[in-house]
Amino acid sequence: MPTDDKPALRSATGMLALIVGLALYCFLVAGLGDFVAPFGLFAEVVYYLAAGIVWIFPAIRLIRWMNAGER
């Protein structure tokens, strides 16, 4: 059993960054959504669908970084 605290610290730091970053991203997307609204419902659907997928890519990198200390 390893006694090194780095993986736990890395996981805690990563989870905090993920939660804060995702919250900020949600506020940004919602704020920019006001500019898309005048273009109609279809534009809003496309915008929010794209915004709902885009956040996954940085999150994947962050999760990989969090798990890198466990190898």
Protein backbone atom coordinates (compact mmCIF):
# COMPACT_ATOMS: atom_id res chain seq x y z
CA MET A 1 0.00 0.00 0.00
CA PRO A 2 1.59 3.29 -1.07
CA THR A 3 2.00 6.02 1.50
CA ASP A 4 2.51 8.78 -1.07
CA ASP A 5 -0.26 11.40 -0.92
CA LYS A 6 0.31 12.73 -4.45
CA PRO A 7 -2.44 10.70 -6.19
CA ALA A 8 -5.03 11.76 -3.60
CA LEU A 9 -3.92 15.38 -3.81
CA ARG A 10 -3.96 15.22 -7.61
CA SER A 11 -7.47 13.75 -7.58
CA ALA A 12 -8.77 16.35 -5.14
CA THR A 13 -7.18 19.20 -7.09
CA GLY A 14 -8.54 17.83 -10.35
CA MET A 15 -12.06 17.41 -9.01
CA LEU A 16 -12.06 20.94 -7.64
CA ALA A 17 -10.79 22.28 -10.98
CA LEU A 18 -13.42 20.25 -12.83
CA ILE A 19 -16.29 21.52 -10.67
CA VAL A 20 -15.18 25.16 -10.74
CA GLY A 21 -14.29 25.05 -14.43
CA LEU A 22 -17.56 23.44 -15.42
CA ALA A 23 -19.55 25.96 -13.39
CA LEU A 24 -17.72 28.87 -15.05
CA TYR A 25 -18.20 27.26 -18.45
CA CYS A 26 -21.95 26.93 -17.81
CA PHE A 27 -22.23 30.61 -16.91
CA LEU A 28 -20.25 31.56 -20.02
CA VAL A 29 -22.37 29.39 -22.32
CA ALA A 30 -25.61 30.67 -20.81
CA GLY A 31 -24.43 34.27 -21.11
CA LEU A 32 -23.42 33.86 -24.74
CA GLY A 33 -26.69 32.06 -25.41
CA ASP A 34 -28.47 35.40 -25.22
CA PHE A 35 -26.70 36.43 -28.41
CA VAL A 36 -27.87 33.26 -30.20
CA ALA A 37 -31.52 33.58 -29.18
CA PRO A 38 -32.48 36.15 -31.87
CA PHE A 39 -31.45 33.69 -34.59
CA GLY A 40 -34.25 31.30 -33.72
CA LEU A 41 -34.89 28.01 -32.03
CA PHE A 42 -32.80 25.94 -34.44
CA ALA A 43 -29.72 28.11 -33.82
CA GLU A 44 -30.21 27.78 -30.07
CA VAL A 45 -30.52 24.00 -30.29
CA VAL A 46 -27.35 23.74 -32.36
CA TYR A 47 -25.49 26.14 -30.05
CA TYR A 48 -26.43 24.37 -26.83
CA LEU A 49 -25.83 20.94 -28.37
CA ALA A 50 -22.34 21.98 -29.44
CA ALA A 51 -21.65 23.65 -26.09
CA GLY A 52 -22.83 20.52 -24.31
CA ILE A 53 -20.30 18.40 -26.18
CA VAL A 54 -17.30 20.77 -26.24
CA TRP A 55 -16.71 20.71 -22.47
CA ILE A 56 -16.04 16.97 -22.60
CA PHE A 57 -12.64 17.35 -24.31
CA PRO A 58 -10.94 19.46 -21.60
CA ALA A 59 -12.60 17.30 -18.95
CA ILE A 60 -11.09 14.17 -20.49
CA ARG A 61 -7.62 15.73 -20.41
CA LEU A 62 -8.12 16.74 -16.78
CA ILE A 63 -9.32 13.27 -15.79
CA ARG A 64 -6.34 11.67 -17.55
CA TRP A 65 -4.04 14.02 -15.63
CA MET A 66 -5.77 13.06 -12.39
CA ASN A 67 -5.27 9.36 -13.08
CA ALA A 68 -1.67 9.74 -14.29
CA GLY A 69 -0.37 9.65 -10.72
CA GLU A 70 -1.87 6.18 -10.12
CA ARG A 71 0.23 4.37 -12.72
